[in-house]
Amino acid sequence: MPNIDLPPDLIALETRAWQEIQAGAQTVDTAHAVQSAITEHAKATRQNRYEVEAALKERVRHPK
C-alpha cells in the first residue's frame, strides 16, 4: 500500500466511529461524516479514495 497522509482530524473521526461500532451504537451521521471526510481528503490530496479509507481503517483498527 502506498504511503498515505492521514491528518489527525481524520484519524480522530474514524476513531470515534470505530468506538461507536464496537459499542453497537454507530449513528448514520457519524458514518456519513467519516465517508465525507475521507472523500474530501482524497480529493484535496489527489490520492485514491479507497486507499485513503483502507489506510485509515488499518491505522485506527489495527495499530502496530
N, C-alpha and C. Protein backbone atom coordinates (compact mmCIF):
# COMPACT_ATOMS: atom_id res chain seq x y z
N MET A 1 0.85 -1.18 0.00
CA MET A 1 0.00 0.00 0.00
C MET A 1 0.89 1.24 0.00
N PRO A 2 0.56 2.24 -0.82
CA PRO A 2 1.37 3.46 -0.85
C PRO A 2 1.29 4.21 0.48
N ASN A 3 2.27 5.07 0.69
CA ASN A 3 2.29 5.89 1.89
C ASN A 3 1.15 6.91 1.80
N ILE A 4 0.22 6.84 2.72
CA ILE A 4 -0.96 7.71 2.71
C ILE A 4 -0.86 8.68 3.88
N ASP A 5 -1.00 9.96 3.58
CA ASP A 5 -1.00 11.01 4.60
C ASP A 5 -2.38 11.05 5.25
N LEU A 6 -2.41 10.87 6.57
CA LEU A 6 -3.67 10.89 7.31
C LEU A 6 -3.61 11.98 8.37
N PRO A 7 -4.38 13.05 8.21
CA PRO A 7 -4.34 14.13 9.19
C PRO A 7 -5.01 13.72 10.51
N PRO A 8 -4.60 14.34 11.60
CA PRO A 8 -5.14 13.99 12.92
C PRO A 8 -6.66 14.08 13.03
N ASP A 9 -7.28 15.06 12.37
CA ASP A 9 -8.73 15.20 12.48
C ASP A 9 -9.45 14.02 11.82
N LEU A 10 -8.89 13.50 10.74
CA LEU A 10 -9.49 12.34 10.07
C LEU A 10 -9.31 11.09 10.93
N ILE A 11 -8.16 10.96 11.54
CA ILE A 11 -7.91 9.82 12.45
C ILE A 11 -8.86 9.89 13.64
N ALA A 12 -9.06 11.07 14.19
CA ALA A 12 -9.96 11.23 15.34
C ALA A 12 -11.40 10.88 14.97
N LEU A 13 -11.83 11.28 13.79
CA LEU A 13 -13.19 10.99 13.33
C LEU A 13 -13.39 9.48 13.16
N GLU A 14 -12.43 8.82 12.54
CA GLU A 14 -12.53 7.36 12.36
C GLU A 14 -12.45 6.64 13.71
N THR A 15 -11.66 7.16 14.62
CA THR A 15 -11.57 6.57 15.96
C THR A 15 -12.92 6.63 16.66
N ARG A 16 -13.58 7.77 16.56
CA ARG A 16 -14.91 7.91 17.15
C ARG A 16 -15.90 6.93 16.52
N ALA A 17 -15.84 6.82 15.20
CA ALA A 17 -16.74 5.89 14.50
C ALA A 17 -16.46 4.46 14.93
N TRP A 18 -15.20 4.08 15.03
CA TRP A 18 -14.82 2.72 15.43
C TRP A 18 -15.30 2.43 16.85
N GLN A 19 -15.18 3.39 17.75
CA GLN A 19 -15.68 3.22 19.11
C GLN A 19 -17.19 3.01 19.13
N GLU A 20 -17.89 3.77 18.30
CA GLU A 20 -19.34 3.60 18.19
C GLU A 20 -19.70 2.22 17.63
N ILE A 21 -18.96 1.77 16.63
CA ILE A 21 -19.21 0.45 16.05
C ILE A 21 -19.02 -0.63 17.11
N GLN A 22 -17.94 -0.55 17.86
CA GLN A 22 -17.67 -1.55 18.89
C GLN A 22 -18.72 -1.55 19.98
N ALA A 23 -19.30 -0.39 20.24
CA ALA A 23 -20.36 -0.29 21.27
C ALA A 23 -21.74 -0.61 20.70
N GLY A 24 -21.80 -0.88 19.40
CA GLY A 24 -23.09 -1.15 18.76
C GLY A 24 -23.98 0.07 18.69
N ALA A 25 -23.34 1.23 18.60
CA ALA A 25 -24.12 2.47 18.65
C ALA A 25 -23.72 3.47 17.57
N GLN A 26 -23.21 2.99 16.45
CA GLN A 26 -22.82 3.94 15.41
C GLN A 26 -24.05 4.59 14.80
N THR A 27 -23.95 5.89 14.60
CA THR A 27 -25.06 6.63 14.00
C THR A 27 -24.80 6.85 12.51
N VAL A 28 -25.86 7.09 11.80
CA VAL A 28 -25.74 7.41 10.38
C VAL A 28 -24.94 8.70 10.20
N ASP A 29 -25.15 9.64 11.09
CA ASP A 29 -24.42 10.91 10.99
C ASP A 29 -22.92 10.71 11.11
N THR A 30 -22.49 9.86 12.03
CA THR A 30 -21.06 9.60 12.19
C THR A 30 -20.51 8.89 10.97
N ALA A 31 -21.21 7.88 10.50
CA ALA A 31 -20.76 7.13 9.32
C ALA A 31 -20.65 8.06 8.11
N HIS A 32 -21.64 8.91 7.93
CA HIS A 32 -21.63 9.85 6.82
C HIS A 32 -20.48 10.84 6.96
N ALA A 33 -20.23 11.32 8.16
CA ALA A 33 -19.15 12.28 8.39
C ALA A 33 -17.80 11.67 8.03
N VAL A 34 -17.59 10.42 8.41
CA VAL A 34 -16.32 9.74 8.09
C VAL A 34 -16.17 9.59 6.58
N GLN A 35 -17.19 9.09 5.92
CA GLN A 35 -17.11 8.87 4.48
C GLN A 35 -16.89 10.19 3.73
N SER A 36 -17.57 11.22 4.14
CA SER A 36 -17.41 12.54 3.50
C SER A 36 -16.00 13.08 3.72
N ALA A 37 -15.48 12.93 4.93
CA ALA A 37 -14.14 13.42 5.24
C ALA A 37 -13.09 12.65 4.44
N ILE A 38 -13.26 11.35 4.30
CA ILE A 38 -12.33 10.54 3.50
C ILE A 38 -12.34 11.02 2.06
N THR A 39 -13.52 11.21 1.51
CA THR A 39 -13.64 11.64 0.12
C THR A 39 -13.00 13.02 -0.08
N GLU A 40 -13.28 13.93 0.80
CA GLU A 40 -12.73 15.28 0.67
C GLU A 40 -11.20 15.28 0.80
N HIS A 41 -10.69 14.50 1.75
CA HIS A 41 -9.24 14.42 1.93
C HIS A 41 -8.59 13.82 0.69
N ALA A 42 -9.17 12.77 0.16
CA ALA A 42 -8.62 12.13 -1.04
C ALA A 42 -8.60 13.10 -2.21
N LYS A 43 -9.68 13.84 -2.39
CA LYS A 43 -9.72 14.82 -3.48
C LYS A 43 -8.68 15.91 -3.28
N ALA A 44 -8.60 16.43 -2.06
CA ALA A 44 -7.69 17.54 -1.78
C ALA A 44 -6.22 17.15 -1.94
N THR A 45 -5.91 15.90 -1.66
CA THR A 45 -4.51 15.43 -1.73
C THR A 45 -4.22 14.63 -2.99
N ARG A 46 -5.24 14.49 -3.84
CA ARG A 46 -5.11 13.75 -5.10
C ARG A 46 -4.64 12.31 -4.86
N GLN A 47 -5.25 11.69 -3.85
CA GLN A 47 -4.96 10.30 -3.54
C GLN A 47 -6.19 9.46 -3.87
N ASN A 48 -5.97 8.18 -4.03
CA ASN A 48 -7.07 7.26 -4.29
C ASN A 48 -7.94 7.16 -3.05
N ARG A 49 -9.23 7.40 -3.20
CA ARG A 49 -10.16 7.43 -2.08
C ARG A 49 -10.20 6.10 -1.33
N TYR A 50 -10.16 5.02 -2.07
CA TYR A 50 -10.23 3.69 -1.44
C TYR A 50 -8.94 3.36 -0.69
N GLU A 51 -7.81 3.83 -1.20
CA GLU A 51 -6.55 3.63 -0.49
C GLU A 51 -6.50 4.46 0.78
N VAL A 52 -7.06 5.66 0.73
CA VAL A 52 -7.13 6.50 1.93
C VAL A 52 -7.98 5.81 2.99
N GLU A 53 -9.15 5.32 2.59
CA GLU A 53 -10.03 4.64 3.54
C GLU A 53 -9.36 3.40 4.13
N ALA A 54 -8.70 2.61 3.29
CA ALA A 54 -8.04 1.39 3.78
C ALA A 54 -6.92 1.73 4.76
N ALA A 55 -6.12 2.74 4.44
CA ALA A 55 -5.03 3.15 5.32
C ALA A 55 -5.57 3.68 6.65
N LEU A 56 -6.65 4.43 6.58
CA LEU A 56 -7.26 4.98 7.79
C LEU A 56 -7.78 3.87 8.69
N LYS A 57 -8.50 2.93 8.12
CA LYS A 57 -9.04 1.82 8.92
C LYS A 57 -7.91 0.97 9.50
N GLU A 58 -6.87 0.74 8.72
CA GLU A 58 -5.72 -0.02 9.21
C GLU A 58 -5.09 0.69 10.40
N ARG A 59 -4.91 1.98 10.26
CA ARG A 59 -4.26 2.77 11.33
C ARG A 59 -5.09 2.76 12.62
N VAL A 60 -6.40 2.92 12.50
CA VAL A 60 -7.25 3.02 13.68
C VAL A 60 -7.61 1.65 14.25
N ARG A 61 -7.93 0.71 13.40
CA ARG A 61 -8.46 -0.58 13.87
C ARG A 61 -7.38 -1.62 14.14
N HIS A 62 -6.22 -1.45 13.53
CA HIS A 62 -5.14 -2.43 13.70
C HIS A 62 -3.81 -1.72 13.89
N PRO A 63 -3.68 -0.91 14.95
CA PRO A 63 -2.43 -0.16 15.15
C PRO A 63 -1.26 -1.11 15.39
N LYS A 64 -0.11 -0.70 14.96
CA LYS A 64 1.10 -1.53 15.13
C LYS A 64 1.79 -1.20 16.42
